[in-house]
Amino acid sequence: MLVLNNIEVVYDKVFLAIKGVSIEAGAGGMAALLGGNGAGKSTTLKAISGLLAPERGEITRGSVSWADADIGRLPAPERVRLGIAHVLEGRRVFEHLTAGENLTAATSMHRAGAKIAALKARVYEYFPRLYERRNAKAGYLSGGEQQMLAIGRALMTEPKLLLLDEPSLGLAPALVDEIFAIIARLSRDGTGVLIVEQNAVATLDVVDHAYLIENGRVVMSGTAAELKANPDIQAFYLGAAGKKDYTQVKHYRRRKRWLS
């Protein structure tokens, strides 16, 4: 449903953040954007969700299409109504509201109380812990519970595509496994997922397709199995440090310079 075609993003009319990125994400599938800090992953998500403008960013070339319609100039609320929900890095819950009130805050597009109740019930089915903590102030929830709440709040908009920015950030390994299992279940149930992650090991275990972004460009893409089998990915993103062939490392770094 989503197609980014050769987009470029500039901040403050000076800094070129991403350079000709082309990706696709379908309904019900699960894709990932991998790469290091500053590679352009979060900027790519913001280009999709319409959140570039508050940070003085803009798409200067290329197109963002959703269901064959160009949405590159639509404001963020219109993109939410089309079915695109963005869970930002760092969770960003309303700390002074309860977990239940946080979910209600995302339902401005829904008027019927029965509809809102049904959506909350669905969120609590995915995240039983949120039901237990529904009356607790969000600021007192654990990091994992806040991440669950942030995802649950996005689900209240009934997204067709869920954009997740670093959902594993700052979480214990057991919580990372739990949240990734729920994300995979959402995908199986028909919600498309595009996930930005530095935790390549956990991500490639659950996604169907992945793109590697470096210096604002897509330098590699393929199925999760193809990327896991790639020696460069193994050496630089999957922790195979003890198996590095330093001749290949030098070659890879030289190749990255050419790509940038």
C-alpha atoms as a PDB file:
ATOM      1  CA  MET A   1       0.000   0.000   0.000  1.00  0.00           C
ATOM      2  CA  LEU A   2       2.922   2.351   0.706  1.00  0.00           C
ATOM      3  CA  VAL A   3       5.521   3.295  -1.899  1.00  0.00           C
ATOM      4  CA  LEU A   4       8.361   5.767  -1.373  1.00  0.00           C
ATOM      5  CA  ASN A   5       9.905   6.605  -4.712  1.00  0.00           C
ATOM      6  CA  ASN A   6      13.357   8.217  -4.690  1.00  0.00           C
ATOM      7  CA  ILE A   7      12.584  10.730  -1.943  1.00  0.00           C
ATOM      8  CA  GLU A   8      15.003  13.326  -0.628  1.00  0.00           C
ATOM      9  CA  VAL A   9      14.484  15.202   2.642  1.00  0.00           C
ATOM     10  CA  VAL A  10      16.150  18.498   3.559  1.00  0.00           C
ATOM     11  CA  TYR A  11      16.166  20.137   7.001  1.00  0.00           C
ATOM     12  CA  ASP A  12      16.353  23.939   7.327  1.00  0.00           C
ATOM     13  CA  LYS A  13      16.701  24.117   3.523  1.00  0.00           C
ATOM     14  CA  VAL A  14      20.368  23.157   3.970  1.00  0.00           C
ATOM     15  CA  PHE A  15      20.983  19.683   5.408  1.00  0.00           C
ATOM     16  CA  LEU A  16      20.250  16.761   3.093  1.00  0.00           C
ATOM     17  CA  ALA A  17      19.146  13.997   5.470  1.00  0.00           C
ATOM     18  CA  ILE A  18      18.022  11.251   3.085  1.00  0.00           C
ATOM     19  CA  LYS A  19      19.081  10.899  -0.540  1.00  0.00           C
ATOM     20  CA  GLY A  20      16.894   9.037  -2.985  1.00  0.00           C
ATOM     21  CA  VAL A  21      15.267   6.486  -0.639  1.00  0.00           C
ATOM     22  CA  SER A  22      12.842   4.030  -2.266  1.00  0.00           C
ATOM     23  CA  ILE A  23      10.958   1.474  -0.166  1.00  0.00           C
ATOM     24  CA  GLU A  24       7.643  -0.397  -0.161  1.00  0.00           C
ATOM     25  CA  ALA A  25       5.443  -1.683   2.673  1.00  0.00           C
ATOM     26  CA  GLY A  26       2.263  -3.701   2.260  1.00  0.00           C
ATOM     27  CA  ALA A  27      -0.832  -4.272   4.371  1.00  0.00           C
ATOM     28  CA  GLY A  28      -0.378  -7.228   6.696  1.00  0.00           C
ATOM     29  CA  GLY A  29       3.340  -7.526   5.976  1.00  0.00           C
ATOM     30  CA  MET A  30       6.238  -6.600   8.202  1.00  0.00           C
ATOM     31  CA  ALA A  31       9.283  -4.685   6.965  1.00  0.00           C
ATOM     32  CA  ALA A  32      12.239  -3.088   8.730  1.00  0.00           C
ATOM     33  CA  LEU A  33      14.621  -0.190   8.248  1.00  0.00           C
ATOM     34  CA  LEU A  34      18.004  -1.077   9.726  1.00  0.00           C
ATOM     35  CA  GLY A  35      21.081   1.085  10.201  1.00  0.00           C
ATOM     36  CA  GLY A  36      23.144   3.008  12.706  1.00  0.00           C
ATOM     37  CA  ASN A  37      22.486   6.311  14.442  1.00  0.00           C
ATOM     38  CA  GLY A  38      21.994   9.197  12.027  1.00  0.00           C
ATOM     39  CA  ALA A  39      21.501   6.950   8.999  1.00  0.00           C
ATOM     40  CA  GLY A  40      18.114   8.494   8.107  1.00  0.00           C
ATOM     41  CA  LYS A  41      15.743   5.839   9.423  1.00  0.00           C
ATOM     42  CA  SER A  42      13.603   8.069  11.653  1.00  0.00           C
ATOM     43  CA  THR A  43      13.511  10.782   8.999  1.00  0.00           C
ATOM     44  CA  THR A  44      12.124   8.229   6.549  1.00  0.00           C
ATOM     45  CA  LEU A  45       9.287   7.387   8.951  1.00  0.00           C
ATOM     46  CA  LYS A  46       8.512  11.075   9.474  1.00  0.00           C
ATOM     47  CA  ALA A  47       8.367  11.580   5.710  1.00  0.00           C
ATOM     48  CA  ILE A  48       5.701   8.861   5.617  1.00  0.00           C
ATOM     49  CA  SER A  49       3.648  10.110   8.577  1.00  0.00           C
ATOM     50  CA  GLY A  50       3.890  13.824   7.767  1.00  0.00           C
ATOM     51  CA  LEU A  51       5.867  14.827  10.860  1.00  0.00           C
ATOM     52  CA  LEU A  52       8.762  16.553   9.072  1.00  0.00           C
ATOM     53  CA  ALA A  53       7.342  20.087   9.159  1.00  0.00           C
ATOM     54  CA  PRO A  54       7.535  20.593  12.963  1.00  0.00           C
ATOM     55  CA  GLU A  55      11.269  19.889  12.694  1.00  0.00           C
ATOM     56  CA  ARG A  56      11.714  22.235   9.702  1.00  0.00           C
ATOM     57  CA  GLY A  57      12.111  19.343   7.299  1.00  0.00           C
ATOM     58  CA  GLU A  58      10.568  18.899   3.864  1.00  0.00           C
ATOM     59  CA  ILE A  59      10.512  16.443   0.988  1.00  0.00           C
ATOM     60  CA  THR A  60      12.318  18.147  -1.880  1.00  0.00           C
ATOM     61  CA  ARG A  61      12.250  15.316  -4.426  1.00  0.00           C
ATOM     62  CA  GLY A  62      10.403  12.069  -5.059  1.00  0.00           C
ATOM     63  CA  SER A  63       6.948  10.942  -3.946  1.00  0.00           C
ATOM     64  CA  VAL A  64       5.138   9.218  -1.085  1.00  0.00           C
ATOM     65  CA  SER A  65       2.191   7.137  -2.311  1.00  0.00           C
ATOM     66  CA  TRP A  66      -0.494   5.410  -0.266  1.00  0.00           C
ATOM     67  CA  ALA A  67      -2.968   3.153  -2.074  1.00  0.00           C
ATOM     68  CA  ASP A  68      -1.818   4.720  -5.385  1.00  0.00           C
ATOM     69  CA  ALA A  69      -2.509   8.296  -4.186  1.00  0.00           C
ATOM     70  CA  ASP A  70       0.248  10.869  -3.618  1.00  0.00           C
ATOM     71  CA  ILE A  71       0.126  11.911   0.044  1.00  0.00           C
ATOM     72  CA  GLY A  72       3.403  13.836   0.180  1.00  0.00           C
ATOM     73  CA  ARG A  73       1.682  17.159   0.916  1.00  0.00           C
ATOM     74  CA  LEU A  74      -1.074  15.915   3.207  1.00  0.00           C
ATOM     75  CA  PRO A  75      -0.916  17.045   6.866  1.00  0.00           C
ATOM     76  CA  ALA A  76      -0.238  14.383   9.491  1.00  0.00           C
ATOM     77  CA  PRO A  77      -3.852  14.160  10.813  1.00  0.00           C
ATOM     78  CA  GLU A  78      -5.129  13.349   7.316  1.00  0.00           C
ATOM     79  CA  ARG A  79      -2.573  10.556   7.004  1.00  0.00           C
ATOM     80  CA  VAL A  80      -3.787   9.123  10.324  1.00  0.00           C
ATOM     81  CA  ARG A  81      -7.334   9.092   8.951  1.00  0.00           C
ATOM     82  CA  LEU A  82      -6.061   7.227   5.887  1.00  0.00           C
ATOM     83  CA  GLY A  83      -4.687   4.515   8.160  1.00  0.00           C
ATOM     84  CA  ILE A  84      -1.053   5.455   8.950  1.00  0.00           C
ATOM     85  CA  ALA A  85      -0.083   5.597  12.641  1.00  0.00           C
ATOM     86  CA  HIS A  86       3.375   6.555  13.880  1.00  0.00           C
ATOM     87  CA  VAL A  87       4.775   5.490  17.283  1.00  0.00           C
ATOM     88  CA  LEU A  88       7.672   7.840  17.911  1.00  0.00           C
ATOM     89  CA  GLU A  89      10.980   6.935  19.524  1.00  0.00           C
ATOM     90  CA  GLY A  90      10.994   7.428  23.277  1.00  0.00           C
ATOM     91  CA  ARG A  91       7.346   6.421  23.846  1.00  0.00           C
ATOM     92  CA  ARG A  92       5.977   9.971  24.516  1.00  0.00           C
ATOM     93  CA  VAL A  93       2.933   9.009  26.551  1.00  0.00           C
ATOM     94  CA  PHE A  94       0.854  11.612  28.406  1.00  0.00           C
ATOM     95  CA  GLU A  95       2.369  11.060  31.843  1.00  0.00           C
ATOM     96  CA  HIS A  96      -0.312  12.984  33.793  1.00  0.00           C
ATOM     97  CA  LEU A  97      -3.127  10.828  32.334  1.00  0.00           C
ATOM     98  CA  THR A  98      -3.954   7.246  33.234  1.00  0.00           C
ATOM     99  CA  ALA A  99      -3.243   4.444  30.779  1.00  0.00           C
ATOM    100  CA  GLY A 100      -6.953   4.273  29.934  1.00  0.00           C
ATOM    101  CA  GLU A 101      -7.129   8.042  29.402  1.00  0.00           C
ATOM    102  CA  ASN A 102      -4.106   7.858  27.084  1.00  0.00           C
ATOM    103  CA  LEU A 103      -6.018   5.407  24.914  1.00  0.00           C
ATOM    104  CA  THR A 104      -9.120   7.604  24.903  1.00  0.00           C
ATOM    105  CA  ALA A 105      -7.005  10.616  23.874  1.00  0.00           C
ATOM    106  CA  ALA A 106      -6.327   8.938  20.508  1.00  0.00           C
ATOM    107  CA  THR A 107     -10.011   8.537  19.594  1.00  0.00           C
ATOM    108  CA  SER A 108     -10.945  12.017  18.370  1.00  0.00           C
ATOM    109  CA  MET A 109     -11.959  10.531  15.005  1.00  0.00           C
ATOM    110  CA  HIS A 110     -14.459   8.237  16.713  1.00  0.00           C
ATOM    111  CA  ARG A 111     -17.705   9.581  18.183  1.00  0.00           C
ATOM    112  CA  ALA A 112     -19.574   6.479  19.337  1.00  0.00           C
ATOM    113  CA  GLY A 113     -18.813   5.307  22.857  1.00  0.00           C
ATOM    114  CA  ALA A 114     -19.387   1.697  21.859  1.00  0.00           C
ATOM    115  CA  LYS A 115     -16.734   2.014  19.150  1.00  0.00           C
ATOM    116  CA  ILE A 116     -14.200   3.439  21.590  1.00  0.00           C
ATOM    117  CA  ALA A 117     -14.949   0.688  24.107  1.00  0.00           C
ATOM    118  CA  ALA A 118     -14.470  -1.978  21.423  1.00  0.00           C
ATOM    119  CA  LEU A 119     -11.132  -0.489  20.377  1.00  0.00           C
ATOM    120  CA  LYS A 120      -9.961  -0.392  24.002  1.00  0.00           C
ATOM    121  CA  ALA A 121     -10.991  -4.015  24.457  1.00  0.00           C
ATOM    122  CA  ARG A 122      -8.913  -4.939  21.411  1.00  0.00           C
ATOM    123  CA  VAL A 123      -5.867  -3.099  22.790  1.00  0.00           C
ATOM    124  CA  TYR A 124      -6.263  -4.839  26.163  1.00  0.00           C
ATOM    125  CA  GLU A 125      -6.454  -8.191  24.377  1.00  0.00           C
ATOM    126  CA  TYR A 126      -3.042  -7.558  22.841  1.00  0.00           C
ATOM    127  CA  PHE A 127      -1.650  -6.003  26.021  1.00  0.00           C
ATOM    128  CA  PRO A 128      -3.285  -7.598  29.116  1.00  0.00           C
ATOM    129  CA  ARG A 129      -0.840  -5.745  31.338  1.00  0.00           C
ATOM    130  CA  LEU A 130      -2.343  -2.425  30.206  1.00  0.00           C
ATOM    131  CA  TYR A 131      -5.754  -3.596  31.391  1.00  0.00           C
ATOM    132  CA  GLU A 132      -4.278  -4.311  34.812  1.00  0.00           C
ATOM    133  CA  ARG A 133      -2.682  -0.849  34.842  1.00  0.00           C
ATOM    134  CA  ARG A 134      -5.490   1.055  33.110  1.00  0.00           C
ATOM    135  CA  ASN A 135      -6.147   3.324  36.118  1.00  0.00           C
ATOM    136  CA  ALA A 136      -2.478   4.042  36.869  1.00  0.00           C
ATOM    137  CA  LYS A 137      -0.882   7.326  35.777  1.00  0.00           C
ATOM    138  CA  ALA A 138       1.215   6.702  32.695  1.00  0.00           C
ATOM    139  CA  GLY A 139       4.198   8.434  34.282  1.00  0.00           C
ATOM    140  CA  TYR A 140       4.354   5.649  36.876  1.00  0.00           C
ATOM    141  CA  LEU A 141       4.364   2.810  34.356  1.00  0.00           C
ATOM    142  CA  SER A 142       7.563   0.915  33.633  1.00  0.00           C
ATOM    143  CA  GLY A 143       9.426   1.534  30.386  1.00  0.00           C
ATOM    144  CA  GLY A 144       8.001  -1.626  28.838  1.00  0.00           C
ATOM    145  CA  GLU A 145       4.464  -0.735  29.906  1.00  0.00           C
ATOM    146  CA  GLN A 146       4.856   2.761  28.446  1.00  0.00           C
ATOM    147  CA  GLN A 147       6.001   1.239  25.152  1.00  0.00           C
ATOM    148  CA  MET A 148       2.956  -1.040  25.160  1.00  0.00           C
ATOM    149  CA  LEU A 149       0.773   1.995  25.873  1.00  0.00           C
ATOM    150  CA  ALA A 150       2.317   3.979  23.019  1.00  0.00           C
ATOM    151  CA  ILE A 151       1.623   1.123  20.589  1.00  0.00           C
ATOM    152  CA  GLY A 152      -1.855   0.604  22.041  1.00  0.00           C
ATOM    153  CA  ARG A 153      -2.649   4.303  21.630  1.00  0.00           C
ATOM    154  CA  ALA A 154      -1.697   4.072  17.954  1.00  0.00           C
ATOM    155  CA  LEU A 155      -3.970   1.028  17.568  1.00  0.00           C
ATOM    156  CA  MET A 156      -6.926   3.154  18.735  1.00  0.00           C
ATOM    157  CA  THR A 157      -6.796   4.881  15.322  1.00  0.00           C
ATOM    158  CA  GLU A 158      -7.375   1.534  13.545  1.00  0.00           C
ATOM    159  CA  PRO A 159      -4.198   1.769  11.449  1.00  0.00           C
ATOM    160  CA  LYS A 160      -3.611  -0.171   8.277  1.00  0.00           C
ATOM    161  CA  LEU A 161       0.107   0.582   8.598  1.00  0.00           C
ATOM    162  CA  LEU A 162       1.912   0.966  11.924  1.00  0.00           C
ATOM    163  CA  LEU A 163       5.220   2.855  11.928  1.00  0.00           C
ATOM    164  CA  LEU A 164       7.379   1.917  14.924  1.00  0.00           C
ATOM    165  CA  ASP A 165      10.538   3.868  15.783  1.00  0.00           C
ATOM    166  CA  GLU A 166      12.962   1.945  18.032  1.00  0.00           C
ATOM    167  CA  PRO A 167      10.369   0.030  20.093  1.00  0.00           C
ATOM    168  CA  SER A 168      13.130  -1.913  21.880  1.00  0.00           C
ATOM    169  CA  LEU A 169      15.014   1.199  23.040  1.00  0.00           C
ATOM    170  CA  GLY A 170      15.994   0.984  26.694  1.00  0.00           C
ATOM    171  CA  LEU A 171      14.095  -2.234  27.411  1.00  0.00           C
ATOM    172  CA  ALA A 172      15.287  -5.434  29.053  1.00  0.00           C
ATOM    173  CA  PRO A 173      15.788  -8.394  26.680  1.00  0.00           C
ATOM    174  CA  ALA A 174      12.759 -10.275  28.046  1.00  0.00           C
ATOM    175  CA  LEU A 175      10.509  -7.259  27.417  1.00  0.00           C
ATOM    176  CA  VAL A 176      11.955  -6.826  23.934  1.00  0.00           C
ATOM    177  CA  ASP A 177      10.990 -10.429  23.144  1.00  0.00           C
ATOM    178  CA  GLU A 178       7.470  -9.865  24.504  1.00  0.00           C
ATOM    179  CA  ILE A 179       6.878  -6.667  22.542  1.00  0.00           C
ATOM    180  CA  PHE A 180       8.285  -8.118  19.316  1.00  0.00           C
ATOM    181  CA  ALA A 181       6.000 -11.144  19.709  1.00  0.00           C
ATOM    182  CA  ILE A 182       2.989  -8.823  20.004  1.00  0.00           C
ATOM    183  CA  ILE A 183       4.120  -6.796  16.975  1.00  0.00           C
ATOM    184  CA  ALA A 184       4.422 -10.019  14.978  1.00  0.00           C
ATOM    185  CA  ARG A 185       0.898 -10.991  16.065  1.00  0.00           C
ATOM    186  CA  LEU A 186      -0.431  -7.602  14.898  1.00  0.00           C
ATOM    187  CA  SER A 187       1.125  -8.251  11.512  1.00  0.00           C
ATOM    188  CA  ARG A 188      -0.423 -11.713  11.296  1.00  0.00           C
ATOM    189  CA  ASP A 189      -3.803 -10.174  12.155  1.00  0.00           C
ATOM    190  CA  GLY A 190      -3.601  -7.872   9.135  1.00  0.00           C
ATOM    191  CA  THR A 191      -1.898  -4.668  10.319  1.00  0.00           C
ATOM    192  CA  GLY A 192       1.068  -3.690   8.179  1.00  0.00           C
ATOM    193  CA  VAL A 193       4.210  -2.861  10.175  1.00  0.00           C
ATOM    194  CA  LEU A 194       7.241  -0.798   9.202  1.00  0.00           C
ATOM    195  CA  ILE A 195       9.766  -0.861  12.016  1.00  0.00           C
ATOM    196  CA  VAL A 196      12.938   1.168  12.546  1.00  0.00           C
ATOM    197  CA  GLU A 197      15.460  -0.639  14.712  1.00  0.00           C
ATOM    198  CA  GLN A 198      19.111  -0.818  15.640  1.00  0.00           C
ATOM    199  CA  ASN A 199      18.509  -4.218  17.231  1.00  0.00           C
ATOM    200  CA  ALA A 200      18.993  -6.105  13.975  1.00  0.00           C
ATOM    201  CA  VAL A 201      19.108  -9.520  15.650  1.00  0.00           C
ATOM    202  CA  ALA A 202      15.599  -9.281  17.127  1.00  0.00           C
ATOM    203  CA  THR A 203      14.183  -7.487  14.088  1.00  0.00           C
ATOM    204  CA  LEU A 204      15.348  -9.926  11.412  1.00  0.00           C
ATOM    205  CA  ASP A 205      13.780 -12.765  13.399  1.00  0.00           C
ATOM    206  CA  VAL A 206      10.266 -11.343  12.921  1.00  0.00           C
ATOM    207  CA  VAL A 207      10.137  -9.249   9.721  1.00  0.00           C
ATOM    208  CA  ASP A 208       9.569 -10.453   6.157  1.00  0.00           C
ATOM    209  CA  HIS A 209      11.689  -7.854   4.367  1.00  0.00           C
ATOM    210  CA  ALA A 210      14.368  -5.372   5.396  1.00  0.00           C
ATOM    211  CA  TYR A 211      16.194  -2.332   4.063  1.00  0.00           C
ATOM    212  CA  LEU A 212      19.633  -1.224   5.254  1.00  0.00           C
ATOM    213  CA  ILE A 213      20.059   2.558   5.297  1.00  0.00           C
ATOM    214  CA  GLU A 214      23.460   4.209   5.575  1.00  0.00           C
ATOM    215  CA  ASN A 215      24.250   7.893   5.114  1.00  0.00           C
ATOM    216  CA  GLY A 216      20.712   8.591   3.960  1.00  0.00           C
ATOM    217  CA  ARG A 217      20.664   5.929   1.240  1.00  0.00           C
ATOM    218  CA  VAL A 218      19.284   2.422   0.927  1.00  0.00           C
ATOM    219  CA  VAL A 219      22.425   0.362   0.366  1.00  0.00           C
ATOM    220  CA  MET A 220      20.922  -3.113   0.683  1.00  0.00           C
ATOM    221  CA  SER A 221      17.481  -4.723   0.697  1.00  0.00           C
ATOM    222  CA  GLY A 222      15.998  -8.188   0.573  1.00  0.00           C
ATOM    223  CA  THR A 223      14.155 -10.787   2.596  1.00  0.00           C
ATOM    224  CA  ALA A 224      15.075 -11.180   6.247  1.00  0.00           C
ATOM    225  CA  ALA A 225      16.766 -14.497   5.448  1.00  0.00           C
ATOM    226  CA  GLU A 226      18.878 -12.886   2.709  1.00  0.00           C
ATOM    227  CA  LEU A 227      20.083 -10.110   4.982  1.00  0.00           C
ATOM    228  CA  LYS A 228      20.821 -12.496   7.860  1.00  0.00           C
ATOM    229  CA  ALA A 229      22.955 -14.579   5.509  1.00  0.00           C
ATOM    230  CA  ASN A 230      24.893 -11.578   4.177  1.00  0.00           C
ATOM    231  CA  PRO A 231      28.449 -11.492   5.627  1.00  0.00           C
ATOM    232  CA  ASP A 232      28.488  -7.676   5.836  1.00  0.00           C
ATOM    233  CA  ILE A 233      25.269  -7.680   7.863  1.00  0.00           C
ATOM    234  CA  GLN A 234      26.652 -10.449  10.071  1.00  0.00           C
ATOM    235  CA  ALA A 235      29.876  -8.534  10.704  1.00  0.00           C
ATOM    236  CA  PHE A 236      28.449  -5.079  11.345  1.00  0.00           C
ATOM    237  CA  TYR A 237      24.879  -5.587  12.607  1.00  0.00           C
ATOM    238  CA  LEU A 238      24.524  -9.111  14.021  1.00  0.00           C
ATOM    239  CA  GLY A 239      27.428  -9.064  16.452  1.00  0.00           C
ATOM    240  CA  ALA A 240      29.717 -11.493  14.628  1.00  0.00           C
ATOM    241  CA  ALA A 241      32.722  -9.468  15.714  1.00  0.00           C
ATOM    242  CA  GLY A 242      34.849 -12.492  16.467  1.00  0.00           C
ATOM    243  CA  LYS A 243      34.511 -13.772  12.925  1.00  0.00           C
ATOM    244  CA  LYS A 244      35.515 -10.635  11.036  1.00  0.00           C
ATOM    245  CA  ASP A 245      37.706 -10.968   7.992  1.00  0.00           C
ATOM    246  CA  TYR A 246      39.498  -7.618   8.136  1.00  0.00           C
ATOM    247  CA  THR A 247      40.239  -7.689   4.421  1.00  0.00           C
ATOM    248  CA  GLN A 248      36.484  -7.775   3.860  1.00  0.00           C
ATOM    249  CA  VAL A 249      35.962  -5.072   6.506  1.00  0.00           C
ATOM    250  CA  LYS A 250      38.285  -2.716   4.632  1.00  0.00           C
ATOM    251  CA  HIS A 251      36.548  -3.574   1.368  1.00  0.00           C
ATOM    252  CA  TYR A 252      33.120  -2.922   2.910  1.00  0.00           C
ATOM    253  CA  ARG A 253      34.187   0.440   4.356  1.00  0.00           C
ATOM    254  CA  ARG A 254      35.662   1.443   1.007  1.00  0.00           C
ATOM    255  CA  ARG A 255      32.428   0.401  -0.711  1.00  0.00           C
ATOM    256  CA  LYS A 256      30.388   2.425   1.791  1.00  0.00           C
ATOM    257  CA  ARG A 257      32.436   5.514   0.932  1.00  0.00           C
ATOM    258  CA  TRP A 258      31.594   5.045  -2.749  1.00  0.00           C
ATOM    259  CA  LEU A 259      27.898   4.642  -1.907  1.00  0.00           C
ATOM    260  CA  SER A 260      27.858   7.858   0.122  1.00  0.00           C
END
